[in-house]
């Protein structure tokens, strides 16, 4: 075997080894990429599951709030009605006060009362 043939043989072995290394690196790169994609898909599923759980929790809270508001509505209506009645009573009281004591109304009340009641001294 000549020196040229030995060099050619060595170069051929080197080329085969380098080809094997390139193939191994390509395989490892593909495997890492696949693992990263699978991991990111798994993370995505976990994130979606968390969002779904949060929405369900929020749905329960909204339903509870709606129920509480429905329970409070009759009470609020009753308070509003009581405020309106109190306002009406105040207005009626002012009118009666004005009629009785304003512009000689008190005299008229006393005159009317004197015709219905007998006041005698003993």
PDB file of N, CA and C in Angstrom:
ATOM      1  N   UNK A   1       0.835  -1.155   0.000  1.00  0.00           N
ATOM      2  CA  UNK A   1       0.000   0.000   0.000  1.00  0.00           C
ATOM      3  C   UNK A   1       0.896   1.239   0.000  1.00  0.00           C
ATOM      4  N   UNK A   2       0.609   2.088  -0.910  1.00  0.00           N
ATOM      5  CA  UNK A   2       1.411   3.297  -1.064  1.00  0.00           C
ATOM      6  C   UNK A   2       0.914   4.354  -0.108  1.00  0.00           C
ATOM      7  N   UNK A   3       1.734   5.354  -0.065  1.00  0.00           N
ATOM      8  CA  UNK A   3       1.376   6.450   0.830  1.00  0.00           C
ATOM      9  C   UNK A   3       0.085   7.116   0.379  1.00  0.00           C
ATOM     10  N   UNK A   4      -0.141   7.274  -0.869  1.00  0.00           N
ATOM     11  CA  UNK A   4      -1.351   7.911  -1.396  1.00  0.00           C
ATOM     12  C   UNK A   4      -2.574   7.054  -1.061  1.00  0.00           C
ATOM     13  N   UNK A   5      -2.415   5.754  -1.171  1.00  0.00           N
ATOM     14  CA  UNK A   5      -3.546   4.882  -0.843  1.00  0.00           C
ATOM     15  C   UNK A   5      -3.829   4.926   0.643  1.00  0.00           C
ATOM     16  N   UNK A   6      -2.815   5.007   1.458  1.00  0.00           N
ATOM     17  CA  UNK A   6      -3.008   5.089   2.913  1.00  0.00           C
ATOM     18  C   UNK A   6      -3.709   6.383   3.280  1.00  0.00           C
ATOM     19  N   UNK A   7      -3.321   7.472   2.629  1.00  0.00           N
ATOM     20  CA  UNK A   7      -3.964   8.766   2.897  1.00  0.00           C
ATOM     21  C   UNK A   7      -5.415   8.723   2.463  1.00  0.00           C
ATOM     22  N   UNK A   8      -5.646   8.131   1.301  1.00  0.00           N
ATOM     23  CA  UNK A   8      -7.020   8.012   0.801  1.00  0.00           C
ATOM     24  C   UNK A   8      -7.853   7.173   1.756  1.00  0.00           C
ATOM     25  N   UNK A   9      -7.297   6.117   2.242  1.00  0.00           N
ATOM     26  CA  UNK A   9      -8.017   5.247   3.183  1.00  0.00           C
ATOM     27  C   UNK A   9      -8.323   5.986   4.473  1.00  0.00           C
ATOM     28  N   UNK A  10      -7.347   6.757   4.958  1.00  0.00           N
ATOM     29  CA  UNK A  10      -7.549   7.521   6.190  1.00  0.00           C
ATOM     30  C   UNK A  10      -8.611   8.591   5.976  1.00  0.00           C
ATOM     31  N   UNK A  11      -8.532   9.252   4.814  1.00  0.00           N
ATOM     32  CA  UNK A  11      -9.540  10.280   4.510  1.00  0.00           C
ATOM     33  C   UNK A  11     -10.935   9.669   4.387  1.00  0.00           C
ATOM     34  N   UNK A  12     -11.027   8.507   3.802  1.00  0.00           N
ATOM     35  CA  UNK A  12     -12.317   7.824   3.667  1.00  0.00           C
ATOM     36  C   UNK A  12     -12.883   7.468   5.027  1.00  0.00           C
ATOM     37  N   UNK A  13     -12.018   6.958   5.930  1.00  0.00           N
ATOM     38  CA  UNK A  13     -12.480   6.644   7.288  1.00  0.00           C
ATOM     39  C   UNK A  13     -12.933   7.905   8.007  1.00  0.00           C
ATOM     40  N   UNK A  14     -12.158   8.987   7.830  1.00  0.00           N
ATOM     41  CA  UNK A  14     -12.528  10.258   8.464  1.00  0.00           C
ATOM     42  C   UNK A  14     -13.863  10.760   7.941  1.00  0.00           C
ATOM     43  N   UNK A  15     -14.059  10.642   6.640  1.00  0.00           N
ATOM     44  CA  UNK A  15     -15.309  11.099   6.031  1.00  0.00           C
ATOM     45  C   UNK A  15     -16.474  10.273   6.560  1.00  0.00           C
ATOM     46  N   UNK A  16     -16.269   8.971   6.709  1.00  0.00           N
ATOM     47  CA  UNK A  16     -17.330   8.122   7.253  1.00  0.00           C
ATOM     48  C   UNK A  16     -17.649   8.509   8.699  1.00  0.00           C
ATOM     49  N   UNK A  17     -16.597   8.758   9.481  1.00  0.00           N
ATOM     50  CA  UNK A  17     -16.781   9.140  10.880  1.00  0.00           C
ATOM     51  C   UNK A  17     -17.494  10.485  10.974  1.00  0.00           C
ATOM     52  N   UNK A  18     -17.065  11.439  10.165  1.00  0.00           N
ATOM     53  CA  UNK A  18     -17.708  12.757  10.169  1.00  0.00           C
ATOM     54  C   UNK A  18     -19.166  12.625   9.714  1.00  0.00           C
ATOM     55  N   UNK A  19     -19.416  11.798   8.700  1.00  0.00           N
ATOM     56  CA  UNK A  19     -20.799  11.566   8.240  1.00  0.00           C
ATOM     57  C   UNK A  19     -21.654  10.974   9.345  1.00  0.00           C
ATOM     58  N   UNK A  20     -21.067  10.018  10.083  1.00  0.00           N
ATOM     59  CA  UNK A  20     -21.791   9.422  11.203  1.00  0.00           C
ATOM     60  C   UNK A  20     -22.084  10.452  12.281  1.00  0.00           C
ATOM     61  N   UNK A  21     -21.090  11.319  12.568  1.00  0.00           N
ATOM     62  CA  UNK A  21     -21.284  12.373  13.561  1.00  0.00           C
ATOM     63  C   UNK A  21     -22.375  13.361  13.119  1.00  0.00           C
ATOM     64  N   UNK A  22     -22.358  13.740  11.856  1.00  0.00           N
ATOM     65  CA  UNK A  22     -23.384  14.666  11.330  1.00  0.00           C
ATOM     66  C   UNK A  22     -24.764  14.032  11.453  1.00  0.00           C
ATOM     67  N   UNK A  23     -24.828  12.758  11.096  1.00  0.00           N
ATOM     68  CA  UNK A  23     -26.102  12.049  11.208  1.00  0.00           C
ATOM     69  C   UNK A  23     -26.563  11.992  12.662  1.00  0.00           C
ATOM     70  N   UNK A  24     -25.643  11.724  13.588  1.00  0.00           N
ATOM     71  CA  UNK A  24     -25.994  11.671  15.017  1.00  0.00           C
ATOM     72  C   UNK A  24     -26.448  13.038  15.516  1.00  0.00           C
ATOM     73  N   UNK A  25     -25.746  14.090  15.111  1.00  0.00           N
ATOM     74  CA  UNK A  25     -26.128  15.448  15.528  1.00  0.00           C
ATOM     75  C   UNK A  25     -27.512  15.798  14.973  1.00  0.00           C
ATOM     76  N   UNK A  26     -27.775  15.450  13.729  1.00  0.00           N
ATOM     77  CA  UNK A  26     -29.100  15.714  13.142  1.00  0.00           C
ATOM     78  C   UNK A  26     -30.197  14.968  13.904  1.00  0.00           C
ATOM     79  N   UNK A  27     -29.908  13.716  14.238  1.00  0.00           N
ATOM     80  CA  UNK A  27     -30.882  12.914  14.984  1.00  0.00           C
ATOM     81  C   UNK A  27     -31.143  13.520  16.361  1.00  0.00           C
ATOM     82  N   UNK A  28     -30.074  13.883  17.057  1.00  0.00           N
ATOM     83  CA  UNK A  28     -30.232  14.494  18.386  1.00  0.00           C
ATOM     84  C   UNK A  28     -30.980  15.829  18.290  1.00  0.00           C
ATOM     85  N   UNK A  29     -30.662  16.612  17.276  1.00  0.00           N
ATOM     86  CA  UNK A  29     -31.351  17.902  17.098  1.00  0.00           C
ATOM     87  C   UNK A  29     -32.846  17.679  16.881  1.00  0.00           C
ATOM     88  N   UNK A  30     -33.202  16.716  16.032  1.00  0.00           N
ATOM     89  CA  UNK A  30     -34.621  16.404  15.799  1.00  0.00           C
ATOM     90  C   UNK A  30     -35.301  15.953  17.090  1.00  0.00           C
ATOM     91  N   UNK A  31     -34.613  15.094  17.855  1.00  0.00           N
ATOM     92  CA  UNK A  31     -35.188  14.600  19.108  1.00  0.00           C
ATOM     93  C   UNK A  31     -35.409  15.755  20.096  1.00  0.00           C
ATOM     94  N   UNK A  32     -34.441  16.649  20.203  1.00  0.00           N
ATOM     95  CA  UNK A  32     -34.586  17.786  21.124  1.00  0.00           C
ATOM     96  C   UNK A  32     -35.742  18.698  20.692  1.00  0.00           C
ATOM     97  N   UNK A  33     -35.824  18.920  19.385  1.00  0.00           N
ATOM     98  CA  UNK A  33     -36.898  19.762  18.856  1.00  0.00           C
ATOM     99  C   UNK A  33     -38.260  19.122  19.150  1.00  0.00           C
ATOM    100  N   UNK A  34     -38.353  17.809  18.918  1.00  0.00           N
ATOM    101  CA  UNK A  34     -39.608  17.105  19.207  1.00  0.00           C
ATOM    102  C   UNK A  34     -39.949  17.171  20.692  1.00  0.00           C
ATOM    103  N   UNK A  35     -38.950  16.979  21.545  1.00  0.00           N
ATOM    104  CA  UNK A  35     -39.195  17.047  22.989  1.00  0.00           C
ATOM    105  C   UNK A  35     -39.628  18.449  23.405  1.00  0.00           C
ATOM    106  N   UNK A  36     -39.005  19.476  22.828  1.00  0.00           N
ATOM    107  CA  UNK A  36     -39.399  20.854  23.139  1.00  0.00           C
ATOM    108  C   UNK A  36     -40.838  21.131  22.703  1.00  0.00           C
ATOM    109  N   UNK A  37     -41.188  20.648  21.507  1.00  0.00           N
ATOM    110  CA  UNK A  37     -42.555  20.849  21.022  1.00  0.00           C
ATOM    111  C   UNK A  37     -43.565  20.139  21.917  1.00  0.00           C
ATOM    112  N   UNK A  38     -43.233  18.898  22.292  1.00  0.00           N
ATOM    113  CA  UNK A  38     -44.136  18.147  23.171  1.00  0.00           C
ATOM    114  C   UNK A  38     -44.252  18.827  24.529  1.00  0.00           C
ATOM    115  N   UNK A  39     -43.137  19.342  25.041  1.00  0.00           N
ATOM    116  CA  UNK A  39     -43.165  20.023  26.332  1.00  0.00           C
ATOM    117  C   UNK A  39     -43.984  21.301  26.237  1.00  0.00           C
ATOM    118  N   UNK A  40     -43.833  22.044  25.144  1.00  0.00           N
ATOM    119  CA  UNK A  40     -44.602  23.284  25.013  1.00  0.00           C
ATOM    120  C   UNK A  40     -46.082  22.980  24.819  1.00  0.00           C
ATOM    121  N   UNK A  41     -46.409  21.887  24.127  1.00  0.00           N
ATOM    122  CA  UNK A  41     -47.813  21.489  23.976  1.00  0.00           C
ATOM    123  C   UNK A  41     -48.379  21.079  25.326  1.00  0.00           C
ATOM    124  N   UNK A  42     -47.588  20.348  26.116  1.00  0.00           N
ATOM    125  CA  UNK A  42     -48.025  19.973  27.462  1.00  0.00           C
ATOM    126  C   UNK A  42     -48.253  21.204  28.318  1.00  0.00           C
ATOM    127  N   UNK A  43     -47.332  22.180  28.238  1.00  0.00           N
ATOM    128  CA  UNK A  43     -47.505  23.430  28.971  1.00  0.00           C
ATOM    129  C   UNK A  43     -48.760  24.154  28.514  1.00  0.00           C
ATOM    130  N   UNK A  44     -49.003  24.139  27.213  1.00  0.00           N
ATOM    131  CA  UNK A  44     -50.198  24.787  26.672  1.00  0.00           C
ATOM    132  C   UNK A  44     -51.452  24.132  27.222  1.00  0.00           C
ATOM    133  N   UNK A  45     -51.473  22.813  27.288  1.00  0.00           N
ATOM    134  CA  UNK A  45     -52.627  22.113  27.845  1.00  0.00           C
ATOM    135  C   UNK A  45     -52.820  22.474  29.320  1.00  0.00           C
ATOM    136  N   UNK A  46     -51.732  22.548  30.047  1.00  0.00           N
ATOM    137  CA  UNK A  46     -51.831  22.916  31.462  1.00  0.00           C
ATOM    138  C   UNK A  46     -52.359  24.340  31.613  1.00  0.00           C
ATOM    139  N   UNK A  47     -51.890  25.254  30.766  1.00  0.00           N
ATOM    140  CA  UNK A  47     -52.369  26.631  30.818  1.00  0.00           C
ATOM    141  C   UNK A  47     -53.853  26.702  30.475  1.00  0.00           C
ATOM    142  N   UNK A  48     -54.270  25.979  29.477  1.00  0.00           N
ATOM    143  CA  UNK A  48     -55.690  25.965  29.093  1.00  0.00           C
ATOM    144  C   UNK A  48     -56.526  25.385  30.226  1.00  0.00           C
ATOM    145  N   UNK A  49     -56.042  24.323  30.854  1.00  0.00           N
ATOM    146  CA  UNK A  49     -56.767  23.736  31.984  1.00  0.00           C
ATOM    147  C   UNK A  49     -56.903  24.734  33.130  1.00  0.00           C
ATOM    148  N   UNK A  50     -55.851  25.501  33.396  1.00  0.00           N
ATOM    149  CA  UNK A  50     -55.918  26.515  34.456  1.00  0.00           C
ATOM    150  C   UNK A  50     -56.926  27.605  34.107  1.00  0.00           C
ATOM    151  N   UNK A  51     -56.936  28.032  32.844  1.00  0.00           N
ATOM    152  CA  UNK A  51     -57.886  29.067  32.413  1.00  0.00           C
ATOM    153  C   UNK A  51     -59.317  28.552  32.538  1.00  0.00           C
ATOM    154  N   UNK A  52     -59.549  27.310  32.130  1.00  0.00           N
ATOM    155  CA  UNK A  52     -60.884  26.715  32.251  1.00  0.00           C
ATOM    156  C   UNK A  52     -61.293  26.656  33.722  1.00  0.00           C
ATOM    157  N   UNK A  53     -60.379  26.265  34.582  1.00  0.00           N
ATOM    158  CA  UNK A  53     -60.678  26.200  36.020  1.00  0.00           C
ATOM    159  C   UNK A  53     -61.015  27.595  36.554  1.00  0.00           C
ATOM    160  N   UNK A  54     -60.245  28.591  36.141  1.00  0.00           N
ATOM    161  CA  UNK A  54     -60.509  29.964  36.584  1.00  0.00           C
ATOM    162  C   UNK A  54     -61.877  30.449  36.098  1.00  0.00           C
ATOM    163  N   UNK A  55     -62.233  30.111  34.857  1.00  0.00           N
ATOM    164  CA  UNK A  55     -63.547  30.503  34.340  1.00  0.00           C
ATOM    165  C   UNK A  55     -64.671  29.831  35.117  1.00  0.00           C
ATOM    166  N   UNK A  56     -64.489  28.578  35.464  1.00  0.00           N
ATOM    167  CA  UNK A  56     -65.520  27.884  36.239  1.00  0.00           C
ATOM    168  C   UNK A  56     -65.668  28.505  37.621  1.00  0.00           C
ATOM    169  N   UNK A  57     -64.549  28.860  38.233  1.00  0.00           N
ATOM    170  CA  UNK A  57     -64.594  29.525  39.537  1.00  0.00           C
ATOM    171  C   UNK A  57     -65.311  30.870  39.413  1.00  0.00           C
ATOM    172  N   UNK A  58     -64.965  31.618  38.381  1.00  0.00           N
ATOM    173  CA  UNK A  58     -65.604  32.917  38.151  1.00  0.00           C
ATOM    174  C   UNK A  58     -67.097  32.750  37.902  1.00  0.00           C
ATOM    175  N   UNK A  59     -67.475  31.723  37.166  1.00  0.00           N
ATOM    176  CA  UNK A  59     -68.888  31.451  36.907  1.00  0.00           C
ATOM    177  C   UNK A  59     -69.638  31.201  38.214  1.00  0.00           C
ATOM    178  N   UNK A  60     -69.038  30.425  39.107  1.00  0.00           N
ATOM    179  CA  UNK A  60     -69.664  30.164  40.408  1.00  0.00           C
ATOM    180  C   UNK A  60     -69.808  31.434  41.225  1.00  0.00           C
ATOM    181  N   UNK A  61     -68.784  32.293  41.191  1.00  0.00           N
ATOM    182  CA  UNK A  61     -68.860  33.552  41.936  1.00  0.00           C
ATOM    183  C   UNK A  61     -69.937  34.468  41.376  1.00  0.00           C
ATOM    184  N   UNK A  62     -70.069  34.518  40.061  1.00  0.00           N
ATOM    185  CA  UNK A  62     -71.098  35.362  39.441  1.00  0.00           C
ATOM    186  C   UNK A  62     -72.485  34.836  39.787  1.00  0.00           C
ATOM    187  N   UNK A  63     -72.666  33.530  39.749  1.00  0.00           N
ATOM    188  CA  UNK A  63     -73.969  32.960  40.114  1.00  0.00           C
ATOM    189  C   UNK A  63     -74.309  33.277  41.562  1.00  0.00           C
ATOM    190  N   UNK A  64     -73.332  33.191  42.463  1.00  0.00           N
ATOM    191  CA  UNK A  64     -73.572  33.514  43.871  1.00  0.00           C
ATOM    192  C   UNK A  64     -73.923  34.984  44.033  1.00  0.00           C
ATOM    193  N   UNK A  65     -73.237  35.861  43.294  1.00  0.00           N
ATOM    194  CA  UNK A  65     -73.531  37.296  43.374  1.00  0.00           C
ATOM    195  C   UNK A  65     -74.942  37.588  42.852  1.00  0.00           C
ATOM    196  N   UNK A  66     -75.333  36.947  41.771  1.00  0.00           N
ATOM    197  CA  UNK A  66     -76.677  37.146  41.224  1.00  0.00           C
ATOM    198  C   UNK A  66     -77.720  36.676  42.229  1.00  0.00           C
ATOM    199  N   UNK A  67     -77.473  35.560  42.874  1.00  0.00           N
ATOM    200  CA  UNK A  67     -78.398  35.049  43.894  1.00  0.00           C
ATOM    201  C   UNK A  67     -78.504  36.023  45.066  1.00  0.00           C
ATOM    202  N   UNK A  68     -77.356  36.550  45.514  1.00  0.00           N
ATOM    203  CA  UNK A  68     -77.368  37.515  46.619  1.00  0.00           C
ATOM    204  C   UNK A  68     -78.118  38.783  46.236  1.00  0.00           C
ATOM    205  N   UNK A  69     -77.920  39.251  45.029  1.00  0.00           N
ATOM    206  CA  UNK A  69     -78.615  40.461  44.565  1.00  0.00           C
ATOM    207  C   UNK A  69     -80.116  40.205  44.484  1.00  0.00           C
ATOM    208  N   UNK A  70     -80.503  39.024  44.019  1.00  0.00           N
ATOM    209  CA  UNK A  70     -81.934  38.687  43.945  1.00  0.00           C
ATOM    210  C   UNK A  70     -82.547  38.651  45.347  1.00  0.00           C
ATOM    211  N   UNK A  71     -81.773  38.174  46.335  1.00  0.00           N
ATOM    212  CA  UNK A  71     -82.270  38.160  47.716  1.00  0.00           C
ATOM    213  C   UNK A  71     -82.393  39.568  48.279  1.00  0.00           C
ATOM    214  N   UNK A  72     -81.518  40.480  47.869  1.00  0.00           N
ATOM    215  CA  UNK A  72     -81.541  41.843  48.396  1.00  0.00           C
ATOM    216  C   UNK A  72     -82.594  42.732  47.746  1.00  0.00           C
ATOM    217  N   UNK A  73     -83.033  42.399  46.531  1.00  0.00           N
ATOM    218  CA  UNK A  73     -83.949  43.265  45.792  1.00  0.00           C
ATOM    219  C   UNK A  73     -85.231  43.561  46.556  1.00  0.00           C
ATOM    220  N   UNK A  74     -85.933  42.597  47.161  1.00  0.00           N
ATOM    221  CA  UNK A  74     -87.145  42.931  47.904  1.00  0.00           C
ATOM    222  C   UNK A  74     -86.872  43.873  49.090  1.00  0.00           C
ATOM    223  N   UNK A  75     -85.732  43.695  49.734  1.00  0.00           N
ATOM    224  CA  UNK A  75     -85.389  44.557  50.866  1.00  0.00           C
ATOM    225  C   UNK A  75     -85.163  45.984  50.384  1.00  0.00           C
ATOM    226  N   UNK A  76     -84.446  46.128  49.289  1.00  0.00           N
ATOM    227  CA  UNK A  76     -84.188  47.458  48.740  1.00  0.00           C
ATOM    228  C   UNK A  76     -85.499  48.106  48.308  1.00  0.00           C
ATOM    229  N   UNK A  77     -86.387  47.343  47.678  1.00  0.00           N
ATOM    230  CA  UNK A  77     -87.684  47.887  47.273  1.00  0.00           C
ATOM    231  C   UNK A  77     -88.484  48.340  48.485  1.00  0.00           C
ATOM    232  N   UNK A  78     -88.461  47.560  49.565  1.00  0.00           N
ATOM    233  CA  UNK A  78     -89.195  47.918  50.775  1.00  0.00           C
ATOM    234  C   UNK A  78     -88.620  49.197  51.397  1.00  0.00           C
ATOM    235  N   UNK A  79     -87.314  49.341  51.398  1.00  0.00           N
ATOM    236  CA  UNK A  79     -86.691  50.550  51.935  1.00  0.00           C
ATOM    237  C   UNK A  79     -87.069  51.765  51.088  1.00  0.00           C
ATOM    238  N   UNK A  80     -87.049  51.608  49.776  1.00  0.00           N
ATOM    239  CA  UNK A  80     -87.453  52.709  48.896  1.00  0.00           C
ATOM    240  C   UNK A  80     -88.906  53.104  49.150  1.00  0.00           C
ATOM    241  N   UNK A  81     -89.774  52.113  49.319  1.00  0.00           N
ATOM    242  CA  UNK A  81     -91.184  52.394  49.593  1.00  0.00           C
ATOM    243  C   UNK A  81     -91.337  53.113  50.935  1.00  0.00           C
ATOM    244  N   UNK A  82     -90.591  52.693  51.944  1.00  0.00           N
ATOM    245  CA  UNK A  82     -90.653  53.342  53.253  1.00  0.00           C
ATOM    246  C   UNK A  82     -90.170  54.791  53.160  1.00  0.00           C
ATOM    247  N   UNK A  83     -89.132  55.035  52.365  1.00  0.00           N
ATOM    248  CA  UNK A  83     -88.648  56.405  52.185  1.00  0.00           C
ATOM    249  C   UNK A  83     -89.711  57.266  51.521  1.00  0.00           C
ATOM    250  N   UNK A  84     -90.401  56.709  50.523  1.00  0.00           N
ATOM    251  CA  UNK A  84     -91.462  57.469  49.858  1.00  0.00           C
ATOM    252  C   UNK A  84     -92.617  57.759  50.810  1.00  0.00           C
ATOM    253  N   UNK A  85     -92.989  56.782  51.639  1.00  0.00           N
ATOM    254  CA  UNK A  85     -94.064  56.995  52.617  1.00  0.00           C
ATOM    255  C   UNK A  85     -93.664  58.073  53.623  1.00  0.00           C
ATOM    256  N   UNK A  86     -92.419  58.030  54.089  1.00  0.00           N
ATOM    257  CA  UNK A  86     -91.952  59.029  55.047  1.00  0.00           C
ATOM    258  C   UNK A  86     -91.950  60.416  54.420  1.00  0.00           C
ATOM    259  N   UNK A  87     -91.542  60.502  53.178  1.00  0.00           N
ATOM    260  CA  UNK A  87     -91.548  61.784  52.475  1.00  0.00           C
ATOM    261  C   UNK A  87     -92.979  62.301  52.317  1.00  0.00           C
ATOM    262  N   UNK A  88     -93.910  61.404  51.977  1.00  0.00           N
ATOM    263  CA  UNK A  88     -95.322  61.795  51.843  1.00  0.00           C
ATOM    264  C   UNK A  88     -95.902  62.229  53.180  1.00  0.00           C
ATOM    265  N   UNK A  89     -95.560  61.528  54.254  1.00  0.00           N
ATOM    266  CA  UNK A  89     -96.064  61.901  55.581  1.00  0.00           C
ATOM    267  C   UNK A  89     -95.524  63.260  55.996  1.00  0.00           C
ATOM    268  N   UNK A  90     -94.274  63.537  55.687  1.00  0.00           N
ATOM    269  CA  UNK A  90     -93.674  64.832  56.008  1.00  0.00           C
ATOM    270  C   UNK A  90     -94.376  65.949  55.245  1.00  0.00           C
ATOM    271  N   UNK A  91     -94.630  65.719  53.967  1.00  0.00           N
ATOM    272  CA  UNK A  91     -95.339  66.724  53.166  1.00  0.00           C
ATOM    273  C   UNK A  91     -96.751  66.944  53.699  1.00  0.00           C
ATOM    274  N   UNK A  92     -97.463  65.872  54.029  1.00  0.00           N
ATOM    275  CA  UNK A  92     -98.825  66.001  54.578  1.00  0.00           C
ATOM    276  C   UNK A  92     -98.787  66.735  55.913  1.00  0.00           C
ATOM    277  N   UNK A  93     -97.824  66.448  56.750  1.00  0.00           N
ATOM    278  CA  UNK A  93     -97.681  67.131  58.032  1.00  0.00           C
ATOM    279  C   UNK A  93     -97.452  68.621  57.850  1.00  0.00           C
ATOM    280  N   UNK A  94     -96.644  68.979  56.877  1.00  0.00           N
ATOM    281  CA  UNK A  94     -96.406  70.411  56.613  1.00  0.00           C
ATOM    282  C   UNK A  94     -97.685  71.093  56.151  1.00  0.00           C
ATOM    283  N   UNK A  95     -98.467  70.435  55.290  1.00  0.00           N
ATOM    284  CA  UNK A  95     -99.735  71.021  54.821  1.00  0.00           C
ATOM    285  C   UNK A  95    -100.710  71.200  55.989  1.00  0.00           C
ATOM    286  N   UNK A  96    -100.803  70.183  56.804  1.00  0.00           N
ATOM    287  CA  UNK A  96    -101.730  70.272  57.951  1.00  0.00           C
ATOM    288  C   UNK A  96    -101.276  71.380  58.899  1.00  0.00           C
ATOM    289  N   UNK A  97    -100.011  71.468  59.174  1.00  0.00           N
ATOM    290  CA  UNK A  97     -99.478  72.524  60.049  1.00  0.00           C
ATOM    291  C   UNK A  97     -99.809  73.902  59.455  1.00  0.00           C
ATOM    292  N   UNK A  98     -99.616  74.065  58.164  1.00  0.00           N
ATOM    293  CA  UNK A  98     -99.881  75.346  57.510  1.00  0.00           C
ATOM    294  C   UNK A  98    -101.364  75.689  57.572  1.00  0.00           C
ATOM    295  N   UNK A  99    -102.223  74.689  57.347  1.00  0.00           N
ATOM    296  CA  UNK A  99    -103.669  74.946  57.387  1.00  0.00           C
ATOM    297  C   UNK A  99    -104.144  75.285  58.792  1.00  0.00           C
ATOM    298  N   UNK A 100    -103.588  74.603  59.800  1.00  0.00           N
ATOM    299  CA  UNK A 100    -104.052  74.822  61.172  1.00  0.00           C
ATOM    300  C   UNK A 100    -103.514  76.125  61.733  1.00  0.00           C
ATOM    301  N   UNK A 101    -102.251  76.364  61.577  1.00  0.00           N
ATOM    302  CA  UNK A 101    -101.643  77.511  62.249  1.00  0.00           C
ATOM    303  C   UNK A 101    -101.340  78.682  61.325  1.00  0.00           C
ATOM    304  N   UNK A 102    -101.425  78.481  60.058  1.00  0.00           N
ATOM    305  CA  UNK A 102    -101.137  79.563  59.132  1.00  0.00           C
ATOM    306  C   UNK A 102    -102.401  80.331  58.788  1.00  0.00           C
ATOM    307  N   UNK A 103    -102.282  81.618  58.648  1.00  0.00           N
ATOM    308  CA  UNK A 103    -103.342  82.545  58.216  1.00  0.00           C
ATOM    309  C   UNK A 103    -104.681  82.322  58.912  1.00  0.00           C
ATOM    310  N   UNK A 104    -104.682  82.269  60.198  1.00  0.00           N
ATOM    311  CA  UNK A 104    -105.931  82.176  60.962  1.00  0.00           C
ATOM    312  C   UNK A 104    -106.565  80.815  60.958  1.00  0.00           C
ATOM    313  N   UNK A 105    -105.882  79.813  60.519  1.00  0.00           N
ATOM    314  CA  UNK A 105    -106.428  78.462  60.499  1.00  0.00           C
ATOM    315  C   UNK A 105    -106.648  77.932  61.896  1.00  0.00           C
ATOM    316  N   UNK A 106    -105.830  78.364  62.821  1.00  0.00           N
ATOM    317  CA  UNK A 106    -105.974  77.932  64.208  1.00  0.00           C
ATOM    318  C   UNK A 106    -107.294  78.385  64.807  1.00  0.00           C
ATOM    319  N   UNK A 107    -107.700  79.587  64.457  1.00  0.00           N
ATOM    320  CA  UNK A 107    -108.987  80.101  64.940  1.00  0.00           C
ATOM    321  C   UNK A 107    -110.135  79.271  64.387  1.00  0.00           C
ATOM    322  N   UNK A 108    -110.022  78.896  63.128  1.00  0.00           N
ATOM    323  CA  UNK A 108    -111.080  78.098  62.517  1.00  0.00           C
ATOM    324  C   UNK A 108    -111.172  76.737  63.182  1.00  0.00           C
ATOM    325  N   UNK A 109    -110.044  76.144  63.500  1.00  0.00           N
ATOM    326  CA  UNK A 109    -110.034  74.842  64.162  1.00  0.00           C
ATOM    327  C   UNK A 109    -110.662  74.969  65.544  1.00  0.00           C
ATOM    328  N   UNK A 110    -110.314  76.024  66.275  1.00  0.00           N
ATOM    329  CA  UNK A 110    -110.904  76.225  67.604  1.00  0.00           C
ATOM    330  C   UNK A 110    -112.411  76.466  67.518  1.00  0.00           C
ATOM    331  N   UNK A 111    -112.849  77.211  66.531  1.00  0.00           N
ATOM    332  CA  UNK A 111    -114.282  77.482  66.373  1.00  0.00           C
ATOM    333  C   UNK A 111    -115.024  76.185  66.053  1.00  0.00           C
ATOM    334  N   UNK A 112    -114.446  75.361  65.145  1.00  0.00           N
ATOM    335  CA  UNK A 112    -115.070  74.076  64.790  1.00  0.00           C
ATOM    336  C   UNK A 112    -115.077  73.154  65.994  1.00  0.00           C
ATOM    337  N   UNK A 113    -113.985  73.119  66.727  1.00  0.00           N
ATOM    338  CA  UNK A 113    -113.891  72.247  67.900  1.00  0.00           C
ATOM    339  C   UNK A 113    -114.879  72.697  68.970  1.00  0.00           C
ATOM    340  N   UNK A 114    -115.132  74.011  69.102  1.00  0.00           N
ATOM    341  CA  UNK A 114    -116.051  74.491  70.140  1.00  0.00           C
ATOM    342  C   UNK A 114    -117.494  74.100  69.845  1.00  0.00           C
ATOM    343  N   UNK A 115    -117.837  73.847  68.651  1.00  0.00           N
ATOM    344  CA  UNK A 115    -119.181  73.429  68.311  1.00  0.00           C
ATOM    345  C   UNK A 115    -119.398  71.927  68.565  1.00  0.00           C
ATOM    346  N   UNK A 116    -118.315  71.156  68.597  1.00  0.00           N
ATOM    347  CA  UNK A 116    -118.446  69.716  68.814  1.00  0.00           C
ATOM    348  C   UNK A 116    -118.208  69.315  70.271  1.00  0.00           C
ATOM    349  N   UNK A 117    -117.491  70.118  71.016  1.00  0.00           N
ATOM    350  CA  UNK A 117    -117.168  69.771  72.396  1.00  0.00           C
ATOM    351  C   UNK A 117    -117.701  70.847  73.346  1.00  0.00           C
ATOM    352  N   UNK A 118    -118.246  70.437  74.433  1.00  0.00           N
ATOM    353  CA  UNK A 118    -118.708  71.363  75.478  1.00  0.00           C
ATOM    354  C   UNK A 118    -117.669  71.420  76.570  1.00  0.00           C
ATOM    355  N   UNK A 119    -117.140  72.558  76.823  1.00  0.00           N
ATOM    356  CA  UNK A 119    -116.163  72.741  77.873  1.00  0.00           C
ATOM    357  C   UNK A 119    -116.874  73.509  79.000  1.00  0.00           C
ATOM    358  N   UNK A 120    -116.981  72.909  80.147  1.00  0.00           N
ATOM    359  CA  UNK A 120    -117.651  73.583  81.285  1.00  0.00           C
ATOM    360  C   UNK A 120    -116.711  73.618  82.458  1.00  0.00           C
ATOM    361  N   UNK A 121    -116.909  74.626  83.298  1.00  0.00           N
ATOM    362  CA  UNK A 121    -116.107  74.740  84.504  1.00  0.00           C
ATOM    363  C   UNK A 121    -116.873  74.128  85.649  1.00  0.00           C
ATOM    364  N   UNK A 122    -116.262  73.512  86.560  1.00  0.00           N
ATOM    365  CA  UNK A 122    -116.947  72.916  87.697  1.00  0.00           C
ATOM    366  C   UNK A 122    -116.802  73.765  88.909  1.00  0.00           C
TER     367      UNK A 122
END
